[in-house]
Amino acid sequence: MKTRLRSKAQIGSALMEALVALVVFSFGALALLGLQAASIKNSGDAKYRSEASYLANQIVAQMWVDRSNIDAYEHFATGLVCSFTGSASANANVTCWATQISSLLPGVSASRTQIQVTTPVANTKQVKVTVCWQTPQDSAARNFVTTAQINQ
């Protein structure tokens, strides 16, 4: 008789164990989905940083080749980061570069890129290139800055 009472007391315990296992599995699956979403976002951010780096270095390389006209590369040379002011460069290389940037990075316009050219030492030009972009889910703009010294 005692055996029958024990088995009646344990009726439904397998169902309860299955429900607990399902809850534990669900939390694990949700955690994996969260990690996947973060991974996708970080991968996209890395892609944009890589593109910005490539494009900034591309215009610096063009300036190395065209050293005699380096002052003509200044582009929106004043203002705060990602809110640049000044005039756009009329240089064809800069115009082409700005067009390429707007096609590769989100939220970029010509005024969200900057090229500053200064002369810290005689016969040397210091070039600072800033590229800003903003994805729809970002609340603030992101930027990439590179600086190079070009001897004339």
Protein backbone atom coordinates (compact mmCIF):
# COMPACT_ATOMS: atom_id res chain seq x y z
CA MET A 1 0.00 0.00 0.00
CA LYS A 2 2.85 2.34 0.74
CA THR A 3 4.22 1.82 -2.73
CA ARG A 4 0.99 3.02 -4.25
CA LEU A 5 0.96 6.18 -2.13
CA ARG A 6 4.45 7.08 -3.18
CA SER A 7 3.69 6.72 -6.84
CA LYS A 8 0.56 8.88 -6.47
CA ALA A 9 2.69 11.57 -4.73
CA GLN A 10 5.14 11.56 -7.61
CA ILE A 11 2.57 11.83 -10.36
CA GLY A 12 3.31 15.01 -12.38
CA SER A 13 6.92 15.39 -11.21
CA ALA A 14 8.22 14.45 -14.68
CA LEU A 15 6.03 17.19 -16.15
CA MET A 16 7.39 19.69 -13.64
CA GLU A 17 10.99 18.67 -14.49
CA ALA A 18 10.23 19.11 -18.18
CA LEU A 19 8.82 22.61 -17.57
CA VAL A 20 11.89 23.64 -15.54
CA ALA A 21 14.17 22.27 -18.27
CA LEU A 22 12.18 24.21 -20.88
CA VAL A 23 12.54 27.45 -18.89
CA VAL A 24 16.31 26.95 -18.50
CA PHE A 25 16.65 26.18 -22.21
CA SER A 26 14.58 29.28 -23.10
CA PHE A 27 16.82 31.57 -21.05
CA GLY A 28 19.87 30.09 -22.76
CA ALA A 29 18.33 30.56 -26.20
CA LEU A 30 17.41 34.19 -25.41
CA ALA A 31 20.97 34.85 -24.24
CA LEU A 32 22.33 33.43 -27.50
CA LEU A 33 19.96 35.64 -29.51
CA GLY A 34 21.14 38.68 -27.57
CA LEU A 35 24.77 37.78 -28.24
CA GLN A 36 24.00 37.31 -31.92
CA ALA A 37 22.35 40.73 -32.15
CA ALA A 38 25.32 42.38 -30.40
CA SER A 39 27.71 40.53 -32.71
CA ILE A 40 25.88 41.76 -35.82
CA LYS A 41 25.89 45.36 -34.55
CA ASN A 42 29.60 45.24 -33.68
CA SER A 43 30.41 43.70 -37.05
CA GLY A 44 28.61 46.55 -38.81
CA ASP A 45 30.41 49.14 -36.68
CA ALA A 46 33.76 47.54 -37.50
CA LYS A 47 32.90 47.59 -41.21
CA TYR A 48 32.13 51.32 -41.10
CA ARG A 49 35.33 52.09 -39.14
CA SER A 50 37.31 50.08 -41.67
CA GLU A 51 35.70 51.91 -44.61
CA ALA A 52 36.35 55.30 -42.96
CA SER A 53 39.99 54.38 -42.35
CA TYR A 54 40.43 53.22 -45.93
CA LEU A 55 38.84 56.37 -47.37
CA ALA A 56 40.81 58.75 -45.13
CA ASN A 57 44.06 57.05 -46.04
CA GLN A 58 43.06 57.12 -49.71
CA ILE A 59 42.82 60.93 -49.76
CA VAL A 60 46.09 61.24 -47.81
CA ALA A 61 47.78 59.05 -50.42
CA GLN A 62 46.35 61.26 -53.16
CA MET A 63 47.85 64.29 -51.40
CA TRP A 64 51.24 62.57 -51.28
CA VAL A 65 51.08 62.18 -55.05
CA ASP A 66 49.87 65.75 -55.64
CA ARG A 67 52.18 67.58 -53.18
CA SER A 68 52.37 70.77 -55.22
CA ASN A 69 48.60 71.36 -54.84
CA ILE A 70 48.22 70.20 -51.27
CA ASP A 71 46.64 73.46 -50.05
CA ALA A 72 43.80 72.99 -52.56
CA TYR A 73 42.70 69.89 -50.63
CA GLU A 74 41.35 71.87 -47.64
CA HIS A 75 37.71 70.94 -47.21
CA PHE A 76 35.38 72.37 -44.52
CA ALA A 77 38.50 73.18 -42.49
CA THR A 78 36.84 74.83 -39.47
CA GLY A 79 34.13 74.02 -36.95
CA LEU A 80 33.44 71.38 -34.36
CA VAL A 81 33.87 67.65 -34.89
CA CYS A 82 31.15 66.37 -37.24
CA SER A 83 29.69 69.89 -37.58
CA PHE A 84 32.27 71.36 -39.91
CA THR A 85 32.12 74.81 -41.41
CA GLY A 86 34.11 76.61 -44.03
CA SER A 87 34.13 76.09 -47.74
CA ALA A 88 34.14 72.92 -49.77
CA SER A 89 37.21 72.15 -51.82
CA ALA A 90 36.97 72.72 -55.55
CA ASN A 91 39.70 70.13 -56.12
CA ALA A 92 38.39 67.35 -58.38
CA ASN A 93 40.10 64.66 -56.27
CA VAL A 94 38.32 65.87 -53.11
CA THR A 95 34.97 66.12 -54.88
CA CYS A 96 35.30 62.54 -56.16
CA TRP A 97 36.44 61.37 -52.71
CA ALA A 98 33.47 63.03 -50.97
CA THR A 99 31.09 61.37 -53.43
CA GLN A 100 32.69 57.99 -52.77
CA ILE A 101 32.36 58.47 -49.00
CA SER A 102 28.67 59.29 -49.23
CA SER A 103 28.07 56.06 -51.14
CA LEU A 104 29.98 53.85 -48.67
CA LEU A 105 29.11 55.27 -45.25
CA PRO A 106 25.64 55.97 -43.84
CA GLY A 107 24.57 59.49 -42.94
CA VAL A 108 27.51 61.18 -44.67
CA SER A 109 27.33 64.44 -46.58
CA ALA A 110 30.17 66.59 -47.89
CA SER A 111 30.02 68.80 -44.79
CA ARG A 112 30.57 65.76 -42.51
CA THR A 113 34.08 65.32 -43.86
CA GLN A 114 36.99 67.58 -43.11
CA ILE A 115 40.50 68.04 -44.46
CA GLN A 116 42.75 70.49 -42.63
CA VAL A 117 46.15 71.45 -44.00
CA THR A 118 48.61 73.28 -41.74
CA THR A 119 52.32 74.11 -41.92
CA PRO A 120 53.89 73.27 -38.53
CA VAL A 121 57.47 73.35 -39.88
CA ALA A 122 58.94 74.88 -43.02
CA ASN A 123 58.57 72.64 -46.10
CA THR A 124 56.25 70.29 -44.19
CA LYS A 125 52.48 70.14 -44.36
CA GLN A 126 50.42 68.49 -41.65
CA VAL A 127 47.19 67.01 -42.95
CA LYS A 128 44.30 66.01 -40.70
CA VAL A 129 41.42 64.10 -42.28
CA THR A 130 38.20 63.55 -40.32
CA VAL A 131 35.34 61.39 -41.58
CA CYS A 132 32.00 61.31 -39.73
CA TRP A 133 29.08 58.94 -40.23
CA GLN A 134 25.88 58.08 -38.41
CA THR A 135 23.78 54.97 -38.71
CA PRO A 136 20.00 55.25 -38.20
CA GLN A 137 20.19 53.47 -34.83
CA ASP A 138 23.00 55.73 -33.50
CA SER A 139 22.06 58.77 -31.45
CA ALA A 140 25.40 60.49 -32.08
CA ALA A 141 27.77 60.65 -35.03
CA ARG A 142 30.90 58.51 -35.07
CA ASN A 143 34.18 59.69 -36.55
CA PHE A 144 37.57 58.55 -37.73
CA VAL A 145 40.57 60.89 -37.71
CA THR A 146 43.95 60.39 -39.32
CA THR A 147 46.91 62.75 -39.38
CA ALA A 148 49.90 62.72 -41.71
CA GLN A 149 52.92 64.88 -42.33
CA ILE A 150 53.85 65.43 -45.95
CA ASN A 151 57.23 66.87 -46.87
CA GLN A 152 57.29 69.16 -49.85
